[in-house]
Amino acid sequence: MRILLIEDDEPLGRVVTESLGKVSFTVDWARNGRDATTAARGHDYDMVLLDLTLPDITGEVWLKQFRAGRRTAPVIVLTARGLIEDRVTMLDLGADDYMVKPFDLVELQARIRALKRRTSAGVDLSDVQHIGPLEVGMASRTVRWNGKLVVLTAKEYDVLETLVLHRPKIVSRAQLEEALYGWNDEIESNSIEVYVHFLRRKLSPRLITTVRGKGYQLGTAEALAAEAGAPARGSAA
């Protein structure tokens, strides 16, 4: 999941970025409204965390402009303002959740996950995904093949999760890079191919299909089950 954090407080921004990074969220941190607007125009974010007091624009104005541009990413307001009037105003402007500083970082992580589940219409975000012999625990970030736990690196898991959530659609290399890397991350030219290779080796050669010129597609439950000799549980719609 790629998140846009809009926060001008350096210590808080650093703590939030590090905390979310530890649970494998990719965070782009904008310290003012101008940079946040540029980022939102250039990337398709899964979530926005918005402070209301910014050096160049108010959070209210930024949110109005964001929604006026038909941006639908969920927005969680993070602010020191605790009055009910402030909550109502921001929710009416298009915010999806509201947290008052100081807040608990573990609670923030939980709210992000919960909001993503509620707002991802048409996407199966069950806590446990079953595709034939493949089982993916979304909250625990664990993977099992035929009931046996398979250890993946963080990036390998992120590639797999992205393909699982978008099945049966083809996911382009650019979409995978968007999900995996933030502003300051260096993207190696063949990184996606490497992660796909290791996923196939650790799980199944039929796990991911390369669609020439378009991207990658998760194998069907039937194809994976046929190879593993398991029931075709969780067939894609």
C-alpha atoms as a PDB file:
ATOM      1  CA  MET A   1       0.000   0.000   0.000  1.00  0.00           C
ATOM      2  CA  ARG A   2       1.372   3.419  -0.974  1.00  0.00           C
ATOM      3  CA  ILE A   3       0.497   6.331   1.302  1.00  0.00           C
ATOM      4  CA  LEU A   4       0.878  10.097   0.961  1.00  0.00           C
ATOM      5  CA  LEU A   5       1.708  11.724   4.312  1.00  0.00           C
ATOM      6  CA  ILE A   6       1.172  15.505   4.409  1.00  0.00           C
ATOM      7  CA  GLU A   7       2.784  16.795   7.591  1.00  0.00           C
ATOM      8  CA  ASP A   8       5.104  19.760   8.255  1.00  0.00           C
ATOM      9  CA  ASP A   9       6.171  18.641  11.733  1.00  0.00           C
ATOM     10  CA  GLU A  10       9.566  16.988  11.167  1.00  0.00           C
ATOM     11  CA  PRO A  11       9.719  14.771  14.278  1.00  0.00           C
ATOM     12  CA  LEU A  12       6.146  13.543  13.847  1.00  0.00           C
ATOM     13  CA  GLY A  13       6.536  13.024  10.122  1.00  0.00           C
ATOM     14  CA  ARG A  14       9.697  11.006  10.679  1.00  0.00           C
ATOM     15  CA  VAL A  15       8.080   8.832  13.357  1.00  0.00           C
ATOM     16  CA  VAL A  16       4.960   8.148  11.277  1.00  0.00           C
ATOM     17  CA  THR A  17       7.013   7.344   8.177  1.00  0.00           C
ATOM     18  CA  GLU A  18       9.270   4.947  10.072  1.00  0.00           C
ATOM     19  CA  SER A  19       6.354   3.299  11.871  1.00  0.00           C
ATOM     20  CA  LEU A  20       4.389   2.639   8.698  1.00  0.00           C
ATOM     21  CA  GLY A  21       7.528   1.517   6.899  1.00  0.00           C
ATOM     22  CA  LYS A  22       8.071  -1.184   9.521  1.00  0.00           C
ATOM     23  CA  VAL A  23       4.732  -2.756   8.590  1.00  0.00           C
ATOM     24  CA  SER A  24       5.642  -2.528   4.890  1.00  0.00           C
ATOM     25  CA  PHE A  25       3.594   0.521   3.896  1.00  0.00           C
ATOM     26  CA  THR A  26       5.345   2.698   1.311  1.00  0.00           C
ATOM     27  CA  VAL A  27       5.167   6.341   2.460  1.00  0.00           C
ATOM     28  CA  ASP A  28       5.798   9.513   0.452  1.00  0.00           C
ATOM     29  CA  TRP A  29       6.161  12.437   2.869  1.00  0.00           C
ATOM     30  CA  ALA A  30       5.178  15.927   1.695  1.00  0.00           C
ATOM     31  CA  ARG A  31       5.909  18.794   4.073  1.00  0.00           C
ATOM     32  CA  ASN A  32       3.625  21.398   2.470  1.00  0.00           C
ATOM     33  CA  GLY A  33       0.514  21.634   0.337  1.00  0.00           C
ATOM     34  CA  ARG A  34       2.359  22.441  -2.883  1.00  0.00           C
ATOM     35  CA  ASP A  35       4.505  19.319  -2.760  1.00  0.00           C
ATOM     36  CA  ALA A  36       1.485  17.251  -1.716  1.00  0.00           C
ATOM     37  CA  THR A  37      -0.493  18.451  -4.729  1.00  0.00           C
ATOM     38  CA  THR A  38       2.392  17.633  -7.072  1.00  0.00           C
ATOM     39  CA  ALA A  39       2.683  14.172  -5.542  1.00  0.00           C
ATOM     40  CA  ALA A  40      -1.054  13.492  -5.787  1.00  0.00           C
ATOM     41  CA  ARG A  41      -1.046  14.433  -9.468  1.00  0.00           C
ATOM     42  CA  GLY A  42       1.859  12.128 -10.239  1.00  0.00           C
ATOM     43  CA  HIS A  43       0.886   9.042  -8.270  1.00  0.00           C
ATOM     44  CA  ASP A  44      -2.184   6.949  -7.568  1.00  0.00           C
ATOM     45  CA  TYR A  45      -2.124   6.717  -3.775  1.00  0.00           C
ATOM     46  CA  ASP A  46      -4.019   4.140  -1.730  1.00  0.00           C
ATOM     47  CA  MET A  47      -4.349   6.497   1.238  1.00  0.00           C
ATOM     48  CA  VAL A  48      -3.681  10.111   2.292  1.00  0.00           C
ATOM     49  CA  LEU A  49      -2.769  11.219   5.828  1.00  0.00           C
ATOM     50  CA  LEU A  50      -3.480  14.946   6.091  1.00  0.00           C
ATOM     51  CA  ASP A  51      -2.411  17.502   8.698  1.00  0.00           C
ATOM     52  CA  LEU A  52      -4.626  20.592   8.848  1.00  0.00           C
ATOM     53  CA  THR A  53      -1.959  23.179   9.671  1.00  0.00           C
ATOM     54  CA  LEU A  54       0.476  23.464   6.765  1.00  0.00           C
ATOM     55  CA  PRO A  55       2.922  26.306   6.017  1.00  0.00           C
ATOM     56  CA  ASP A  56       1.397  27.309   2.677  1.00  0.00           C
ATOM     57  CA  ILE A  57      -2.235  26.165   2.691  1.00  0.00           C
ATOM     58  CA  THR A  58      -4.808  24.880   5.147  1.00  0.00           C
ATOM     59  CA  GLY A  59      -5.741  21.242   5.197  1.00  0.00           C
ATOM     60  CA  GLU A  60      -9.327  22.214   4.502  1.00  0.00           C
ATOM     61  CA  VAL A  61      -8.420  23.975   1.265  1.00  0.00           C
ATOM     62  CA  TRP A  62      -6.088  21.185   0.181  1.00  0.00           C
ATOM     63  CA  LEU A  63      -8.792  18.564   0.718  1.00  0.00           C
ATOM     64  CA  LYS A  64     -11.318  20.620  -1.257  1.00  0.00           C
ATOM     65  CA  GLN A  65      -8.918  20.850  -4.180  1.00  0.00           C
ATOM     66  CA  PHE A  66      -8.045  17.149  -3.909  1.00  0.00           C
ATOM     67  CA  ARG A  67     -11.680  16.076  -4.064  1.00  0.00           C
ATOM     68  CA  ALA A  68     -12.480  18.648  -6.771  1.00  0.00           C
ATOM     69  CA  GLY A  69      -9.910  16.864  -8.941  1.00  0.00           C
ATOM     70  CA  ARG A  70     -12.005  13.690  -8.604  1.00  0.00           C
ATOM     71  CA  ARG A  71      -9.381  12.022  -6.431  1.00  0.00           C
ATOM     72  CA  THR A  72     -11.023   9.202  -4.521  1.00  0.00           C
ATOM     73  CA  ALA A  73      -8.199   7.957  -2.273  1.00  0.00           C
ATOM     74  CA  PRO A  74      -9.320   7.676   1.374  1.00  0.00           C
ATOM     75  CA  VAL A  75      -8.153  10.554   3.584  1.00  0.00           C
ATOM     76  CA  ILE A  76      -7.391  10.346   7.303  1.00  0.00           C
ATOM     77  CA  VAL A  77      -7.012  13.718   9.016  1.00  0.00           C
ATOM     78  CA  LEU A  78      -4.233  13.889  11.641  1.00  0.00           C
ATOM     79  CA  THR A  79      -4.533  17.073  13.680  1.00  0.00           C
ATOM     80  CA  ALA A  80      -4.302  18.660  17.114  1.00  0.00           C
ATOM     81  CA  ARG A  81      -7.797  20.100  16.664  1.00  0.00           C
ATOM     82  CA  GLY A  82     -10.214  18.067  18.744  1.00  0.00           C
ATOM     83  CA  LEU A  83     -13.424  20.085  18.549  1.00  0.00           C
ATOM     84  CA  ILE A  84     -16.498  18.342  17.172  1.00  0.00           C
ATOM     85  CA  GLU A  85     -16.985  21.263  14.753  1.00  0.00           C
ATOM     86  CA  ASP A  86     -13.601  20.554  13.169  1.00  0.00           C
ATOM     87  CA  ARG A  87     -14.437  16.861  12.815  1.00  0.00           C
ATOM     88  CA  VAL A  88     -17.776  17.601  11.177  1.00  0.00           C
ATOM     89  CA  THR A  89     -16.253  20.156   8.792  1.00  0.00           C
ATOM     90  CA  MET A  90     -13.547  17.808   7.555  1.00  0.00           C
ATOM     91  CA  LEU A  91     -15.860  14.827   7.202  1.00  0.00           C
ATOM     92  CA  ASP A  92     -18.281  16.982   5.214  1.00  0.00           C
ATOM     93  CA  LEU A  93     -15.407  18.113   2.972  1.00  0.00           C
ATOM     94  CA  GLY A  94     -14.584  14.524   2.074  1.00  0.00           C
ATOM     95  CA  ALA A  95     -12.330  13.153   4.813  1.00  0.00           C
ATOM     96  CA  ASP A  96     -12.943   9.508   5.693  1.00  0.00           C
ATOM     97  CA  ASP A  97     -11.520   9.415   9.223  1.00  0.00           C
ATOM     98  CA  TYR A  98     -10.193  11.823  11.843  1.00  0.00           C
ATOM     99  CA  MET A  99      -7.511  11.302  14.513  1.00  0.00           C
ATOM    100  CA  VAL A 100      -6.491  13.834  17.151  1.00  0.00           C
ATOM    101  CA  LYS A 101      -2.822  14.276  18.053  1.00  0.00           C
ATOM    102  CA  PRO A 102      -1.167  12.734  19.949  1.00  0.00           C
ATOM    103  CA  PHE A 103      -2.370   9.420  18.554  1.00  0.00           C
ATOM    104  CA  ASP A 104      -1.219   5.834  18.903  1.00  0.00           C
ATOM    105  CA  LEU A 105       0.809   4.581  15.937  1.00  0.00           C
ATOM    106  CA  VAL A 106      -0.567   1.040  16.191  1.00  0.00           C
ATOM    107  CA  GLU A 107      -4.108   2.436  16.114  1.00  0.00           C
ATOM    108  CA  LEU A 108      -3.201   4.496  13.036  1.00  0.00           C
ATOM    109  CA  GLN A 109      -1.991   1.332  11.286  1.00  0.00           C
ATOM    110  CA  ALA A 110      -5.237  -0.440  12.176  1.00  0.00           C
ATOM    111  CA  ARG A 111      -7.362   2.445  10.946  1.00  0.00           C
ATOM    112  CA  ILE A 112      -5.485   2.495   7.658  1.00  0.00           C
ATOM    113  CA  ARG A 113      -6.139  -1.215   7.147  1.00  0.00           C
ATOM    114  CA  ALA A 114      -9.793  -0.904   8.144  1.00  0.00           C
ATOM    115  CA  LEU A 115     -10.396   2.107   5.907  1.00  0.00           C
ATOM    116  CA  LYS A 116      -8.747   0.374   2.973  1.00  0.00           C
ATOM    117  CA  ARG A 117     -11.078  -2.601   3.425  1.00  0.00           C
ATOM    118  CA  ARG A 118     -14.161  -0.374   3.542  1.00  0.00           C
ATOM    119  CA  THR A 119     -13.294   1.772   0.551  1.00  0.00           C
ATOM    120  CA  SER A 120     -11.989  -0.839  -1.898  1.00  0.00           C
ATOM    121  CA  ALA A 121     -15.248  -1.541  -3.706  1.00  0.00           C
ATOM    122  CA  GLY A 122     -15.102  -4.583  -5.926  1.00  0.00           C
ATOM    123  CA  VAL A 123     -11.829  -5.826  -4.398  1.00  0.00           C
ATOM    124  CA  ASP A 124     -11.783  -8.823  -2.098  1.00  0.00           C
ATOM    125  CA  LEU A 125      -9.923  -7.687   1.002  1.00  0.00           C
ATOM    126  CA  SER A 126     -10.746 -10.581   3.285  1.00  0.00           C
ATOM    127  CA  ASP A 127      -8.156 -11.102   6.013  1.00  0.00           C
ATOM    128  CA  VAL A 128      -7.260 -14.475   4.502  1.00  0.00           C
ATOM    129  CA  GLN A 129      -7.209 -15.000   0.742  1.00  0.00           C
ATOM    130  CA  HIS A 130      -7.462 -18.518  -0.692  1.00  0.00           C
ATOM    131  CA  ILE A 131      -6.500 -19.227  -4.306  1.00  0.00           C
ATOM    132  CA  GLY A 132      -6.283 -22.968  -4.777  1.00  0.00           C
ATOM    133  CA  PRO A 133      -3.371 -24.180  -2.581  1.00  0.00           C
ATOM    134  CA  LEU A 134      -2.233 -20.584  -1.964  1.00  0.00           C
ATOM    135  CA  GLU A 135      -3.256 -18.908   1.293  1.00  0.00           C
ATOM    136  CA  VAL A 136      -2.348 -15.276   1.964  1.00  0.00           C
ATOM    137  CA  GLY A 137      -2.914 -13.729   5.399  1.00  0.00           C
ATOM    138  CA  MET A 138      -3.409 -10.029   4.691  1.00  0.00           C
ATOM    139  CA  ALA A 139      -3.172  -8.747   8.258  1.00  0.00           C
ATOM    140  CA  SER A 140      -0.286 -11.020   9.295  1.00  0.00           C
ATOM    141  CA  ARG A 141       1.452 -10.848   5.879  1.00  0.00           C
ATOM    142  CA  THR A 142       1.947 -14.596   5.929  1.00  0.00           C
ATOM    143  CA  VAL A 143       1.840 -17.009   2.988  1.00  0.00           C
ATOM    144  CA  ARG A 144       1.115 -20.731   2.943  1.00  0.00           C
ATOM    145  CA  TRP A 145       1.291 -23.223   0.085  1.00  0.00           C
ATOM    146  CA  ASN A 146      -0.681 -26.422   0.608  1.00  0.00           C
ATOM    147  CA  GLY A 147      -0.858 -25.490   4.281  1.00  0.00           C
ATOM    148  CA  LYS A 148       2.907 -25.071   4.675  1.00  0.00           C
ATOM    149  CA  LEU A 149       4.277 -21.690   5.721  1.00  0.00           C
ATOM    150  CA  VAL A 150       6.511 -20.073   3.077  1.00  0.00           C
ATOM    151  CA  VAL A 151       8.847 -17.260   4.154  1.00  0.00           C
ATOM    152  CA  LEU A 152       8.918 -14.286   1.766  1.00  0.00           C
ATOM    153  CA  THR A 153      10.864 -11.041   1.879  1.00  0.00           C
ATOM    154  CA  ALA A 154       8.859  -7.831   2.322  1.00  0.00           C
ATOM    155  CA  LYS A 155       9.101  -6.912  -1.366  1.00  0.00           C
ATOM    156  CA  GLU A 156       8.244 -10.453  -2.513  1.00  0.00           C
ATOM    157  CA  TYR A 157       5.148 -10.335  -0.335  1.00  0.00           C
ATOM    158  CA  ASP A 158       4.179  -6.899  -1.670  1.00  0.00           C
ATOM    159  CA  VAL A 159       4.358  -8.146  -5.267  1.00  0.00           C
ATOM    160  CA  LEU A 160       2.262 -11.186  -4.408  1.00  0.00           C
ATOM    161  CA  GLU A 161      -0.309  -9.164  -2.454  1.00  0.00           C
ATOM    162  CA  THR A 162      -0.705  -6.682  -5.314  1.00  0.00           C
ATOM    163  CA  LEU A 163      -1.328  -9.494  -7.789  1.00  0.00           C
ATOM    164  CA  VAL A 164      -3.747 -11.222  -5.412  1.00  0.00           C
ATOM    165  CA  LEU A 165      -5.793  -8.064  -4.822  1.00  0.00           C
ATOM    166  CA  HIS A 166      -6.038  -7.284  -8.544  1.00  0.00           C
ATOM    167  CA  ARG A 167      -6.775 -10.801  -9.773  1.00  0.00           C
ATOM    168  CA  PRO A 168      -7.810 -11.753 -12.410  1.00  0.00           C
ATOM    169  CA  LYS A 169      -6.605  -8.485 -13.974  1.00  0.00           C
ATOM    170  CA  ILE A 170      -3.167  -8.019 -15.494  1.00  0.00           C
ATOM    171  CA  VAL A 171      -0.923  -5.779 -13.383  1.00  0.00           C
ATOM    172  CA  SER A 172       1.658  -3.726 -15.258  1.00  0.00           C
ATOM    173  CA  ARG A 173       5.257  -3.451 -14.167  1.00  0.00           C
ATOM    174  CA  ALA A 174       4.675   0.261 -13.516  1.00  0.00           C
ATOM    175  CA  GLN A 175       1.778  -0.562 -11.182  1.00  0.00           C
ATOM    176  CA  LEU A 176       3.937  -2.988  -9.237  1.00  0.00           C
ATOM    177  CA  GLU A 177       6.744  -0.441  -8.941  1.00  0.00           C
ATOM    178  CA  GLU A 178       4.190   2.146  -7.801  1.00  0.00           C
ATOM    179  CA  ALA A 179       3.041  -0.191  -5.034  1.00  0.00           C
ATOM    180  CA  LEU A 180       6.553  -1.133  -3.903  1.00  0.00           C
ATOM    181  CA  TYR A 181       8.674   1.997  -4.043  1.00  0.00           C
ATOM    182  CA  GLY A 182       8.555   5.470  -2.543  1.00  0.00           C
ATOM    183  CA  TRP A 183      10.210   8.721  -3.661  1.00  0.00           C
ATOM    184  CA  ASN A 184      13.585   7.997  -2.127  1.00  0.00           C
ATOM    185  CA  ASP A 185      13.808   4.367  -3.171  1.00  0.00           C
ATOM    186  CA  GLU A 186      16.097   3.465  -6.029  1.00  0.00           C
ATOM    187  CA  ILE A 187      14.353   1.158  -8.503  1.00  0.00           C
ATOM    188  CA  GLU A 188      16.621  -1.343 -10.196  1.00  0.00           C
ATOM    189  CA  SER A 189      15.770  -2.024 -13.811  1.00  0.00           C
ATOM    190  CA  ASN A 190      15.018  -5.712 -13.314  1.00  0.00           C
ATOM    191  CA  SER A 191      13.733  -5.685  -9.739  1.00  0.00           C
ATOM    192  CA  ILE A 192      10.173  -6.769 -10.541  1.00  0.00           C
ATOM    193  CA  GLU A 193      11.414  -9.646 -12.684  1.00  0.00           C
ATOM    194  CA  VAL A 194      13.656 -10.774  -9.816  1.00  0.00           C
ATOM    195  CA  TYR A 195      10.803 -10.771  -7.286  1.00  0.00           C
ATOM    196  CA  VAL A 196       8.540 -12.657  -9.692  1.00  0.00           C
ATOM    197  CA  HIS A 197      11.315 -15.228 -10.261  1.00  0.00           C
ATOM    198  CA  PHE A 198      11.729 -15.875  -6.541  1.00  0.00           C
ATOM    199  CA  LEU A 199       7.962 -16.111  -5.991  1.00  0.00           C
ATOM    200  CA  ARG A 200       7.715 -18.744  -8.704  1.00  0.00           C
ATOM    201  CA  ARG A 201      10.654 -20.630  -7.217  1.00  0.00           C
ATOM    202  CA  LYS A 202       9.357 -20.510  -3.642  1.00  0.00           C
ATOM    203  CA  LEU A 203       5.706 -21.236  -4.443  1.00  0.00           C
ATOM    204  CA  SER A 204       4.975 -22.508  -7.953  1.00  0.00           C
ATOM    205  CA  PRO A 205       6.169 -21.974 -11.555  1.00  0.00           C
ATOM    206  CA  ARG A 206       2.515 -21.435 -12.471  1.00  0.00           C
ATOM    207  CA  LEU A 207       1.932 -18.869  -9.735  1.00  0.00           C
ATOM    208  CA  ILE A 208       2.451 -15.841 -11.990  1.00  0.00           C
ATOM    209  CA  THR A 209       1.953 -15.580 -15.733  1.00  0.00           C
ATOM    210  CA  THR A 210       3.966 -13.050 -17.735  1.00  0.00           C
ATOM    211  CA  VAL A 211       1.748 -11.346 -20.303  1.00  0.00           C
ATOM    212  CA  ARG A 212       4.128 -10.002 -22.919  1.00  0.00           C
ATOM    213  CA  GLY A 213       3.933  -6.248 -23.317  1.00  0.00           C
ATOM    214  CA  LYS A 214       1.335  -5.853 -20.568  1.00  0.00           C
ATOM    215  CA  GLY A 215       2.582  -7.148 -17.241  1.00  0.00           C
ATOM    216  CA  TYR A 216       1.859  -9.991 -14.852  1.00  0.00           C
ATOM    217  CA  GLN A 217      -1.201 -11.976 -13.858  1.00  0.00           C
ATOM    218  CA  LEU A 218      -1.809 -14.306 -10.927  1.00  0.00           C
ATOM    219  CA  GLY A 219      -2.505 -17.892 -11.930  1.00  0.00           C
ATOM    220  CA  THR A 220      -6.075 -19.155 -11.524  1.00  0.00           C
ATOM    221  CA  ALA A 221      -7.114 -21.280  -8.577  1.00  0.00           C
ATOM    222  CA  GLU A 222      -7.721 -24.164 -10.979  1.00  0.00           C
ATOM    223  CA  ALA A 223      -4.243 -23.963 -12.517  1.00  0.00           C
ATOM    224  CA  LEU A 224      -2.503 -23.790  -9.155  1.00  0.00           C
ATOM    225  CA  ALA A 225      -4.620 -26.566  -7.690  1.00  0.00           C
ATOM    226  CA  ALA A 226      -3.955 -28.815 -10.676  1.00  0.00           C
ATOM    227  CA  GLU A 227      -0.222 -28.497 -10.159  1.00  0.00           C
ATOM    228  CA  ALA A 228      -0.366 -28.966  -6.391  1.00  0.00           C
ATOM    229  CA  GLY A 229      -3.074 -31.626  -6.391  1.00  0.00           C
ATOM    230  CA  ALA A 230      -5.263 -29.478  -4.127  1.00  0.00           C
ATOM    231  CA  PRO A 231      -8.926 -28.414  -4.348  1.00  0.00           C
ATOM    232  CA  ALA A 232      -9.523 -25.318  -6.506  1.00  0.00           C
ATOM    233  CA  ARG A 233     -10.600 -23.187  -3.575  1.00  0.00           C
ATOM    234  CA  GLY A 234     -11.068 -19.458  -4.109  1.00  0.00           C
ATOM    235  CA  SER A 235     -11.595 -19.357  -7.876  1.00  0.00           C
ATOM    236  CA  ALA A 236     -11.321 -15.859  -9.296  1.00  0.00           C
ATOM    237  CA  ALA A 237     -14.547 -14.157 -10.264  1.00  0.00           C
END
